[in-house]
C-alpha atoms as a PDB file:
ATOM      1  CA  MET A   1      -7.551   8.892  -1.762  1.00  0.00           C
ATOM      2  CA  SER A   2     -10.503  10.524  -0.131  1.00  0.00           C
ATOM      3  CA  ASP A   3      -8.760  13.267   1.781  1.00  0.00           C
ATOM      4  CA  SER A   4      -7.340  15.776  -0.591  1.00  0.00           C
ATOM      5  CA  ALA A   5      -6.146  18.253   2.259  1.00  0.00           C
ATOM      6  CA  GLY A   6      -2.793  19.517   1.554  1.00  0.00           C
ATOM      7  CA  TRP A   7      -2.716  18.804  -2.049  1.00  0.00           C
ATOM      8  CA  VAL A   8      -2.242  21.666  -4.511  1.00  0.00           C
ATOM      9  CA  PRO A   9      -3.513  21.509  -8.216  1.00  0.00           C
ATOM     10  CA  VAL A  10      -0.590  21.781 -10.788  1.00  0.00           C
ATOM     11  CA  ALA A  11      -0.761  22.451 -14.500  1.00  0.00           C
ATOM     12  CA  HIS A  12      -0.864  18.664 -15.433  1.00  0.00           C
ATOM     13  CA  ALA A  13      -3.649  16.392 -16.563  1.00  0.00           C
ATOM     14  CA  CYS A  14      -3.826  12.571 -15.918  1.00  0.00           C
ATOM     15  CA  ARG A  15      -2.756  10.346 -18.829  1.00  0.00           C
ATOM     16  CA  THR A  16      -5.346   7.746 -17.813  1.00  0.00           C
ATOM     17  CA  CYS A  17      -8.567   9.696 -17.102  1.00  0.00           C
ATOM     18  CA  GLY A  18      -7.852  13.320 -18.044  1.00  0.00           C
ATOM     19  CA  GLY A  19      -8.360  14.486 -14.329  1.00  0.00           C
ATOM     20  CA  ARG A  20      -6.446  17.267 -12.668  1.00  0.00           C
ATOM     21  CA  VAL A  21      -3.183  16.292 -10.975  1.00  0.00           C
ATOM     22  CA  PHE A  22      -2.255  17.655  -7.547  1.00  0.00           C
ATOM     23  CA  LYS A  23       0.963  17.997  -5.719  1.00  0.00           C
ATOM     24  CA  GLN A  24       2.109  17.400  -2.065  1.00  0.00           C
ATOM     25  CA  ALA A  25       5.469  17.108  -0.627  1.00  0.00           C
ATOM     26  CA  THR A  26       5.360  13.378  -1.083  1.00  0.00           C
ATOM     27  CA  GLY A  27       4.436  13.362  -4.701  1.00  0.00           C
ATOM     28  CA  TYR A  28       1.557  13.746  -7.290  1.00  0.00           C
ATOM     29  CA  TRP A  29      -1.990  12.467  -7.271  1.00  0.00           C
ATOM     30  CA  CYS A  30      -4.739  12.360  -9.788  1.00  0.00           C
ATOM     31  CA  GLY A  31      -8.038  13.709  -8.325  1.00  0.00           C
ATOM     32  CA  GLY A  32      -9.947  11.516 -10.875  1.00  0.00           C
ATOM     33  CA  CYS A  33      -8.581   8.026 -10.914  1.00  0.00           C
ATOM     34  CA  ASN A  34      -6.164   8.108  -7.904  1.00  0.00           C
ATOM     35  CA  ALA A  35      -2.995   7.466  -9.951  1.00  0.00           C
ATOM     36  CA  ARG A  36       0.243   8.510  -7.902  1.00  0.00           C
ATOM     37  CA  SER A  37       3.661   9.189  -8.612  1.00  0.00           C
ATOM     38  CA  GLU A  38       6.780  10.355  -6.596  1.00  0.00           C
ATOM     39  CA  GLY A  39       9.336  12.860  -7.672  1.00  0.00           C
ATOM     40  CA  THR A  40       7.866  14.188 -10.945  1.00  0.00           C
ATOM     41  CA  PRO A  41       4.238  14.057 -12.362  1.00  0.00           C
ATOM     42  CA  SER A  42       5.426  12.517 -15.687  1.00  0.00           C
ATOM     43  CA  PRO A  43       4.652   8.938 -14.828  1.00  0.00           C
ATOM     44  CA  ILE A  44       0.996   9.878 -14.508  1.00  0.00           C
ATOM     45  CA  CYS A  45       0.543  12.985 -16.675  1.00  0.00           C
ATOM     46  CA  GLY A  46       0.418  13.626 -20.359  1.00  0.00           C
ATOM     47  CA  CYS A  47       3.935  15.130 -20.343  1.00  0.00           C
ATOM     48  CA  GLY A  48       5.193  11.583 -19.743  1.00  0.00           C
ATOM     49  CA  ILE A  49       3.855  10.095 -22.910  1.00  0.00           C
ATOM     50  CA  LYS A  50       6.612   9.329 -25.389  1.00  0.00           C
ATOM     51  CA  MET A  51       6.756   7.925 -28.844  1.00  0.00           C
ATOM     52  CA  ALA A  52      10.042   6.854 -30.453  1.00  0.00           C
ATOM     53  CA  GLY A  53      11.821   8.059 -27.311  1.00  0.00           C
ATOM     54  CA  ARG A  54      10.493  11.687 -27.720  1.00  0.00           C
ATOM     55  CA  GLN A  55       7.925  13.653 -25.831  1.00  0.00           C
ATOM     56  CA  ALA A  56       4.838  13.202 -27.936  1.00  0.00           C
ATOM     57  CA  PHE A  57       2.330  15.134 -25.740  1.00  0.00           C
ATOM     58  CA  HIS A  58       2.387  17.814 -23.180  1.00  0.00           C
ATOM     59  CA  CYS A  59      -0.095  19.346 -20.575  1.00  0.00           C
ATOM     60  CA  ALA A  60      -1.389  22.812 -21.279  1.00  0.00           C
ATOM     61  CA  ALA A  61      -4.249  25.257 -20.301  1.00  0.00           C
ATOM     62  CA  ASN A  62      -7.399  24.391 -22.279  1.00  0.00           C
ATOM     63  CA  PRO A  63      -7.397  27.082 -24.943  1.00  0.00           C
ATOM     64  CA  ALA A  64     -11.322  26.853 -25.369  1.00  0.00           C
ATOM     65  CA  PRO A  65     -13.162  25.198 -22.514  1.00  0.00           C
ATOM     66  CA  ASN A  66     -16.719  24.121 -23.451  1.00  0.00           C
ATOM     67  CA  ALA A  67     -19.245  21.456 -22.494  1.00  0.00           C
ATOM     68  CA  GLN A  68     -17.450  18.752 -24.331  1.00  0.00           C
ATOM     69  CA  ALA A  69     -14.073  19.588 -22.984  1.00  0.00           C
ATOM     70  CA  PRO A  70     -14.658  21.524 -19.723  1.00  0.00           C
ATOM     71  CA  HIS A  71     -11.259  20.745 -17.976  1.00  0.00           C
ATOM     72  CA  SER A  72      -8.916  23.719 -17.241  1.00  0.00           C
ATOM     73  CA  ILE A  73      -5.885  21.647 -18.115  1.00  0.00           C
ATOM     74  CA  VAL A  74      -5.670  19.179 -21.191  1.00  0.00           C
ATOM     75  CA  ILE A  75      -3.181  16.998 -22.909  1.00  0.00           C
ATOM     76  CA  GLN A  76      -2.055  18.310 -26.346  1.00  0.00           C
ATOM     77  CA  ARG A  77      -0.136  16.730 -29.062  1.00  0.00           C
ATOM     78  CA  GLY A  78       3.524  17.594 -29.502  1.00  0.00           C
ATOM     79  CA  PRO A  79       6.248  18.721 -27.198  1.00  0.00           C
ATOM     80  CA  ALA A  80       5.771  21.562 -24.839  1.00  0.00           C
ATOM     81  CA  PRO A  81       6.627  24.903 -26.446  1.00  0.00           C
ATOM     82  CA  VAL A  82       9.871  26.287 -25.547  1.00  0.00           C
ATOM     83  CA  MET A  83       9.571  29.548 -23.471  1.00  0.00           C
ATOM     84  CA  PRO A  84      11.778  32.432 -24.518  1.00  0.00           C
ATOM     85  CA  GLY A  85      14.855  32.627 -22.096  1.00  0.00           C
ATOM     86  CA  ALA A  86      14.107  29.145 -20.754  1.00  0.00           C
ATOM     87  CA  ARG A  87      17.245  26.995 -20.286  1.00  0.00           C
ATOM     88  CA  LEU A  88      17.368  23.454 -21.681  1.00  0.00           C
ATOM     89  CA  GLY A  89      15.944  20.867 -19.242  1.00  0.00           C
ATOM     90  CA  GLN A  90      14.115  23.430 -17.116  1.00  0.00           C
ATOM     91  CA  ARG A  91      10.370  23.433 -16.504  1.00  0.00           C
END
């Protein structure tokens, strides 16, 4: 996809290339490798990686951007932390 007009960056990173994921009404798109999904970002982002049927990784803000890892959103090991007051199944 060469025209990114109308695509909004979201807090997800592509599981294939580590690029930033963007959202539009029709679905999600990786700005790095052009991977696409409809409905949810999990088919292309780190949040969708599972091991033994459980979420094994999650997308999060990079806690320490540097020259080796400059991306603002990265894929981290483990399920996403539960936010206080969040209801089960909500994101």
